[in-house]
Amino acid sequence: MNIFKLMQAMRPYIQSGEMTYDLAVKYLKERGVQFDGLIKQGLDNMFKKGKARDPDFGDTLVKMQIDEQ
């Protein structure tokens, strides 16, 4: 089976809290998936709790020389 389809099928269980990280690793290894860099990064991203991009720029505003012209 395609690894991306496996991970897509796991997503609802991960989001609902029914599947832990260790259980997900075990599930993938049982399916014969080689657990290396790209697969690990994808699984780590599925278990992130925060937003993917939430930069904190602060309240400072710096006028650049190009803005003045």
PDB file of N, CA and C in Angstrom:
ATOM      1  N   MET A   1       0.848  -1.187   0.000  1.00  0.00           N
ATOM      2  CA  MET A   1       0.000   0.000   0.000  1.00  0.00           C
ATOM      3  C   MET A   1       0.890   1.246   0.000  1.00  0.00           C
ATOM      4  N   ASN A   2       0.392   2.277  -0.585  1.00  0.00           N
ATOM      5  CA  ASN A   2       1.105   3.546  -0.669  1.00  0.00           C
ATOM      6  C   ASN A   2       1.257   4.159   0.731  1.00  0.00           C
ATOM      7  N   ILE A   3       2.458   4.608   1.046  1.00  0.00           N
ATOM      8  CA  ILE A   3       2.744   5.173   2.377  1.00  0.00           C
ATOM      9  C   ILE A   3       1.889   6.406   2.665  1.00  0.00           C
ATOM     10  N   PHE A   4       1.635   7.217   1.640  1.00  0.00           N
ATOM     11  CA  PHE A   4       0.845   8.431   1.852  1.00  0.00           C
ATOM     12  C   PHE A   4      -0.613   8.089   2.162  1.00  0.00           C
ATOM     13  N   LYS A   5      -1.116   7.022   1.562  1.00  0.00           N
ATOM     14  CA  LYS A   5      -2.482   6.594   1.868  1.00  0.00           C
ATOM     15  C   LYS A   5      -2.564   6.040   3.283  1.00  0.00           C
ATOM     16  N   LEU A   6      -1.511   5.334   3.721  1.00  0.00           N
ATOM     17  CA  LEU A   6      -1.472   4.833   5.101  1.00  0.00           C
ATOM     18  C   LEU A   6      -1.497   5.992   6.090  1.00  0.00           C
ATOM     19  N   MET A   7      -0.674   6.996   5.828  1.00  0.00           N
ATOM     20  CA  MET A   7      -0.604   8.139   6.740  1.00  0.00           C
ATOM     21  C   MET A   7      -1.896   8.938   6.717  1.00  0.00           C
ATOM     22  N   GLN A   8      -2.512   9.031   5.552  1.00  0.00           N
ATOM     23  CA  GLN A   8      -3.781   9.744   5.439  1.00  0.00           C
ATOM     24  C   GLN A   8      -4.876   9.001   6.211  1.00  0.00           C
ATOM     25  N   ALA A   9      -4.824   7.676   6.190  1.00  0.00           N
ATOM     26  CA  ALA A   9      -5.808   6.886   6.925  1.00  0.00           C
ATOM     27  C   ALA A   9      -5.611   7.004   8.434  1.00  0.00           C
ATOM     28  N   MET A  10      -4.379   7.243   8.873  1.00  0.00           N
ATOM     29  CA  MET A  10      -4.088   7.377  10.308  1.00  0.00           C
ATOM     30  C   MET A  10      -4.487   8.743  10.859  1.00  0.00           C
ATOM     31  N   ARG A  11      -4.552   9.758  10.024  1.00  0.00           N
ATOM     32  CA  ARG A  11      -4.774  11.132  10.477  1.00  0.00           C
ATOM     33  C   ARG A  11      -6.007  11.316  11.372  1.00  0.00           C
ATOM     34  N   PRO A  12      -7.183  10.769  11.029  1.00  0.00           N
ATOM     35  CA  PRO A  12      -8.343  10.976  11.916  1.00  0.00           C
ATOM     36  C   PRO A  12      -8.134  10.381  13.315  1.00  0.00           C
ATOM     37  N   TYR A  13      -7.455   9.253  13.387  1.00  0.00           N
ATOM     38  CA  TYR A  13      -7.207   8.618  14.680  1.00  0.00           C
ATOM     39  C   TYR A  13      -6.212   9.429  15.506  1.00  0.00           C
ATOM     40  N   ILE A  14      -5.240  10.027  14.834  1.00  0.00           N
ATOM     41  CA  ILE A  14      -4.258  10.859  15.526  1.00  0.00           C
ATOM     42  C   ILE A  14      -4.914  12.128  16.052  1.00  0.00           C
ATOM     43  N   GLN A  15      -5.736  12.756  15.216  1.00  0.00           N
ATOM     44  CA  GLN A  15      -6.390  14.003  15.611  1.00  0.00           C
ATOM     45  C   GLN A  15      -7.388  13.803  16.744  1.00  0.00           C
ATOM     46  N   SER A  16      -8.027  12.635  16.784  1.00  0.00           N
ATOM     47  CA  SER A  16      -8.989  12.370  17.854  1.00  0.00           C
ATOM     48  C   SER A  16      -8.320  11.864  19.124  1.00  0.00           C
ATOM     49  N   GLY A  17      -7.018  11.556  19.051  1.00  0.00           N
ATOM     50  CA  GLY A  17      -6.287  11.092  20.219  1.00  0.00           C
ATOM     51  C   GLY A  17      -6.336   9.597  20.428  1.00  0.00           C
ATOM     52  N   GLU A  18      -6.917   8.862  19.486  1.00  0.00           N
ATOM     53  CA  GLU A  18      -7.018   7.413  19.612  1.00  0.00           C
ATOM     54  C   GLU A  18      -5.694   6.707  19.319  1.00  0.00           C
ATOM     55  N   MET A  19      -4.799   7.372  18.584  1.00  0.00           N
ATOM     56  CA  MET A  19      -3.529   6.753  18.206  1.00  0.00           C
ATOM     57  C   MET A  19      -2.386   7.591  18.761  1.00  0.00           C
ATOM     58  N   THR A  20      -1.491   6.941  19.482  1.00  0.00           N
ATOM     59  CA  THR A  20      -0.312   7.615  20.015  1.00  0.00           C
ATOM     60  C   THR A  20       0.823   7.520  19.000  1.00  0.00           C
ATOM     61  N   TYR A  21       1.893   8.258  19.263  1.00  0.00           N
ATOM     62  CA  TYR A  21       3.050   8.254  18.370  1.00  0.00           C
ATOM     63  C   TYR A  21       3.653   6.852  18.285  1.00  0.00           C
ATOM     64  N   ASP A  22       3.810   6.210  19.436  1.00  0.00           N
ATOM     65  CA  ASP A  22       4.399   4.868  19.450  1.00  0.00           C
ATOM     66  C   ASP A  22       3.532   3.863  18.705  1.00  0.00           C
ATOM     67  N   LEU A  23       2.234   3.967  18.855  1.00  0.00           N
ATOM     68  CA  LEU A  23       1.318   3.074  18.154  1.00  0.00           C
ATOM     69  C   LEU A  23       1.372   3.314  16.647  1.00  0.00           C
ATOM     70  N   ALA A  24       1.526   4.575  16.239  1.00  0.00           N
ATOM     71  CA  ALA A  24       1.631   4.902  14.818  1.00  0.00           C
ATOM     72  C   ALA A  24       2.909   4.315  14.213  1.00  0.00           C
ATOM     73  N   VAL A  25       4.017   4.404  14.963  1.00  0.00           N
ATOM     74  CA  VAL A  25       5.285   3.829  14.493  1.00  0.00           C
ATOM     75  C   VAL A  25       5.147   2.321  14.356  1.00  0.00           C
ATOM     76  N   LYS A  26       4.547   1.691  15.349  1.00  0.00           N
ATOM     77  CA  LYS A  26       4.337   0.244  15.314  1.00  0.00           C
ATOM     78  C   LYS A  26       3.464  -0.154  14.125  1.00  0.00           C
ATOM     79  N   TYR A  27       2.403   0.608  13.888  1.00  0.00           N
ATOM     80  CA  TYR A  27       1.487   0.345  12.778  1.00  0.00           C
ATOM     81  C   TYR A  27       2.221   0.413  11.437  1.00  0.00           C
ATOM     82  N   LEU A  28       3.043   1.438  11.264  1.00  0.00           N
ATOM     83  CA  LEU A  28       3.776   1.582  10.006  1.00  0.00           C
ATOM     84  C   LEU A  28       4.793   0.470   9.817  1.00  0.00           C
ATOM     85  N   LYS A  29       5.481   0.094  10.885  1.00  0.00           N
ATOM     86  CA  LYS A  29       6.475  -0.977  10.787  1.00  0.00           C
ATOM     87  C   LYS A  29       5.818  -2.319  10.496  1.00  0.00           C
ATOM     88  N   GLU A  30       4.626  -2.549  11.050  1.00  0.00           N
ATOM     89  CA  GLU A  30       3.894  -3.786  10.757  1.00  0.00           C
ATOM     90  C   GLU A  30       3.483  -3.865   9.296  1.00  0.00           C
ATOM     91  N   ARG A  31       3.281  -2.718   8.682  1.00  0.00           N
ATOM     92  CA  ARG A  31       2.898  -2.672   7.264  1.00  0.00           C
ATOM     93  C   ARG A  31       4.109  -2.732   6.342  1.00  0.00           C
ATOM     94  N   GLY A  32       5.309  -2.832   6.926  1.00  0.00           N
ATOM     95  CA  GLY A  32       6.525  -2.966   6.131  1.00  0.00           C
ATOM     96  C   GLY A  32       7.122  -1.655   5.668  1.00  0.00           C
ATOM     97  N   VAL A  33       6.761  -0.564   6.315  1.00  0.00           N
ATOM     98  CA  VAL A  33       7.275   0.749   5.942  1.00  0.00           C
ATOM     99  C   VAL A  33       8.635   0.950   6.599  1.00  0.00           C
ATOM    100  N   GLN A  34       9.621   1.359   5.814  1.00  0.00           N
ATOM    101  CA  GLN A  34      10.936   1.672   6.359  1.00  0.00           C
ATOM    102  C   GLN A  34      10.840   3.044   7.021  1.00  0.00           C
ATOM    103  N   PHE A  35      11.034   3.072   8.321  1.00  0.00           N
ATOM    104  CA  PHE A  35      10.846   4.295   9.113  1.00  0.00           C
ATOM    105  C   PHE A  35      12.141   5.085   9.106  1.00  0.00           C
ATOM    106  N   ASP A  36      12.284   5.999   8.133  1.00  0.00           N
ATOM    107  CA  ASP A  36      13.496   6.801   8.021  1.00  0.00           C
ATOM    108  C   ASP A  36      13.149   8.286   8.052  1.00  0.00           C
ATOM    109  N   GLY A  37      14.034   9.123   7.579  1.00  0.00           N
ATOM    110  CA  GLY A  37      13.929  10.575   7.708  1.00  0.00           C
ATOM    111  C   GLY A  37      12.627  11.186   7.240  1.00  0.00           C
ATOM    112  N   LEU A  38      12.244  10.936   5.995  1.00  0.00           N
ATOM    113  CA  LEU A  38      11.062  11.579   5.432  1.00  0.00           C
ATOM    114  C   LEU A  38       9.783  11.085   6.103  1.00  0.00           C
ATOM    115  N   ILE A  39       9.711   9.799   6.365  1.00  0.00           N
ATOM    116  CA  ILE A  39       8.528   9.239   7.010  1.00  0.00           C
ATOM    117  C   ILE A  39       8.434   9.745   8.450  1.00  0.00           C
ATOM    118  N   LYS A  40       9.566   9.804   9.149  1.00  0.00           N
ATOM    119  CA  LYS A  40       9.579  10.299  10.528  1.00  0.00           C
ATOM    120  C   LYS A  40       9.139  11.758  10.580  1.00  0.00           C
ATOM    121  N   GLN A  41       9.614  12.571   9.637  1.00  0.00           N
ATOM    122  CA  GLN A  41       9.232  13.991   9.604  1.00  0.00           C
ATOM    123  C   GLN A  41       7.739  14.145   9.348  1.00  0.00           C
ATOM    124  N   GLY A  42       7.200  13.344   8.439  1.00  0.00           N
ATOM    125  CA  GLY A  42       5.764  13.392   8.173  1.00  0.00           C
ATOM    126  C   GLY A  42       4.940  13.009   9.389  1.00  0.00           C
ATOM    127  N   LEU A  43       5.396  11.971  10.093  1.00  0.00           N
ATOM    128  CA  LEU A  43       4.686  11.542  11.291  1.00  0.00           C
ATOM    129  C   LEU A  43       4.804  12.584  12.396  1.00  0.00           C
ATOM    130  N   ASP A  44       5.975  13.195  12.544  1.00  0.00           N
ATOM    131  CA  ASP A  44       6.158  14.271  13.530  1.00  0.00           C
ATOM    132  C   ASP A  44       5.213  15.429  13.235  1.00  0.00           C
ATOM    133  N   ASN A  45       5.059  15.760  11.965  1.00  0.00           N
ATOM    134  CA  ASN A  45       4.166  16.857  11.577  1.00  0.00           C
ATOM    135  C   ASN A  45       2.713  16.527  11.888  1.00  0.00           C
ATOM    136  N   MET A  46       2.339  15.260  11.768  1.00  0.00           N
ATOM    137  CA  MET A  46       0.959  14.875  12.062  1.00  0.00           C
ATOM    138  C   MET A  46       0.652  14.998  13.551  1.00  0.00           C
ATOM    139  N   PHE A  47       1.667  14.867  14.394  1.00  0.00           N
ATOM    140  CA  PHE A  47       1.467  14.931  15.839  1.00  0.00           C
ATOM    141  C   PHE A  47       1.707  16.325  16.415  1.00  0.00           C
ATOM    142  N   LYS A  48       2.020  17.315  15.597  1.00  0.00           N
ATOM    143  CA  LYS A  48       2.209  18.682  16.093  1.00  0.00           C
ATOM    144  C   LYS A  48       0.882  19.233  16.584  1.00  0.00           C
ATOM    145  N   LYS A  49       0.949  19.976  17.664  1.00  0.00           N
ATOM    146  CA  LYS A  49      -0.267  20.565  18.238  1.00  0.00           C
ATOM    147  C   LYS A  49      -0.478  22.008  17.792  1.00  0.00           C
ATOM    148  N   GLY A  50       0.615  22.736  17.537  1.00  0.00           N
ATOM    149  CA  GLY A  50       0.507  24.147  17.181  1.00  0.00           C
ATOM    150  C   GLY A  50       0.265  24.345  15.693  1.00  0.00           C
ATOM    151  N   LYS A  51       0.074  25.580  15.321  1.00  0.00           N
ATOM    152  CA  LYS A  51      -0.099  25.905  13.913  1.00  0.00           C
ATOM    153  C   LYS A  51       1.235  25.763  13.192  1.00  0.00           C
ATOM    154  N   ALA A  52       1.166  25.469  11.935  1.00  0.00           N
ATOM    155  CA  ALA A  52       2.380  25.269  11.154  1.00  0.00           C
ATOM    156  C   ALA A  52       3.183  26.560  11.048  1.00  0.00           C
ATOM    157  N   ARG A  53       2.509  27.675  10.834  1.00  0.00           N
ATOM    158  CA  ARG A  53       3.206  28.958  10.692  1.00  0.00           C
ATOM    159  C   ARG A  53       2.507  29.986  11.565  1.00  0.00           C
ATOM    160  N   ASP A  54       3.157  30.335  12.641  1.00  0.00           N
ATOM    161  CA  ASP A  54       2.611  31.338  13.538  1.00  0.00           C
ATOM    162  C   ASP A  54       3.747  32.238  14.013  1.00  0.00           C
ATOM    163  N   PRO A  55       4.300  33.036  13.100  1.00  0.00           N
ATOM    164  CA  PRO A  55       5.441  33.867  13.503  1.00  0.00           C
ATOM    165  C   PRO A  55       5.006  35.013  14.417  1.00  0.00           C
ATOM    166  N   ASP A  56       5.878  35.365  15.347  1.00  0.00           N
ATOM    167  CA  ASP A  56       5.625  36.477  16.251  1.00  0.00           C
ATOM    168  C   ASP A  56       6.556  37.616  15.854  1.00  0.00           C
ATOM    169  N   PHE A  57       6.007  38.592  15.157  1.00  0.00           N
ATOM    170  CA  PHE A  57       6.821  39.696  14.657  1.00  0.00           C
ATOM    171  C   PHE A  57       6.924  40.839  15.652  1.00  0.00           C
ATOM    172  N   GLY A  58       6.076  40.866  16.647  1.00  0.00           N
ATOM    173  CA  GLY A  58       6.114  41.944  17.625  1.00  0.00           C
ATOM    174  C   GLY A  58       5.410  43.188  17.108  1.00  0.00           C
ATOM    175  N   ASP A  59       5.528  44.266  17.872  1.00  0.00           N
ATOM    176  CA  ASP A  59       4.844  45.512  17.530  1.00  0.00           C
ATOM    177  C   ASP A  59       5.790  46.556  16.959  1.00  0.00           C
ATOM    178  N   THR A  60       7.012  46.189  16.681  1.00  0.00           N
ATOM    179  CA  THR A  60       7.974  47.176  16.197  1.00  0.00           C
ATOM    180  C   THR A  60       7.838  47.348  14.694  1.00  0.00           C
ATOM    181  N   LEU A  61       8.035  48.571  14.268  1.00  0.00           N
ATOM    182  CA  LEU A  61       7.991  48.898  12.853  1.00  0.00           C
ATOM    183  C   LEU A  61       9.263  49.653  12.524  1.00  0.00           C
ATOM    184  N   VAL A  62       9.994  49.142  11.591  1.00  0.00           N
ATOM    185  CA  VAL A  62      11.251  49.773  11.198  1.00  0.00           C
ATOM    186  C   VAL A  62      11.064  50.306   9.785  1.00  0.00           C
ATOM    187  N   LYS A  63      11.222  51.634   9.649  1.00  0.00           N
ATOM    188  CA  LYS A  63      11.108  52.232   8.320  1.00  0.00           C
ATOM    189  C   LYS A  63      12.423  52.057   7.586  1.00  0.00           C
ATOM    190  N   MET A  64      12.335  51.526   6.420  1.00  0.00           N
ATOM    191  CA  MET A  64      13.517  51.321   5.605  1.00  0.00           C
ATOM    192  C   MET A  64      13.705  52.538   4.705  1.00  0.00           C
ATOM    193  N   GLN A  65      14.887  52.714   4.211  1.00  0.00           N
ATOM    194  CA  GLN A  65      15.200  53.867   3.381  1.00  0.00           C
ATOM    195  C   GLN A  65      14.349  53.854   2.109  1.00  0.00           C
ATOM    196  N   ILE A  66      14.054  52.705   1.599  1.00  0.00           N
ATOM    197  CA  ILE A  66      13.267  52.599   0.378  1.00  0.00           C
ATOM    198  C   ILE A  66      11.823  53.046   0.608  1.00  0.00           C
ATOM    199  N   ASP A  67      11.323  52.944   1.861  1.00  0.00           N
ATOM    200  CA  ASP A  67       9.978  53.374   2.192  1.00  0.00           C
ATOM    201  C   ASP A  67       9.846  54.888   2.147  1.00  0.00           C
ATOM    202  N   GLU A  68      10.922  55.590   2.412  1.00  0.00           N
ATOM    203  CA  GLU A  68      10.909  57.037   2.458  1.00  0.00           C
ATOM    204  C   GLU A  68      10.781  57.669   1.079  1.00  0.00           C
ATOM    205  N   GLN A  69      11.176  56.981   0.048  1.00  0.00           N
ATOM    206  CA  GLN A  69      11.212  57.567  -1.305  1.00  0.00           C
ATOM    207  C   GLN A  69       9.878  57.560  -1.974  1.00  0.00           C
TER     208      GLN A  69
END
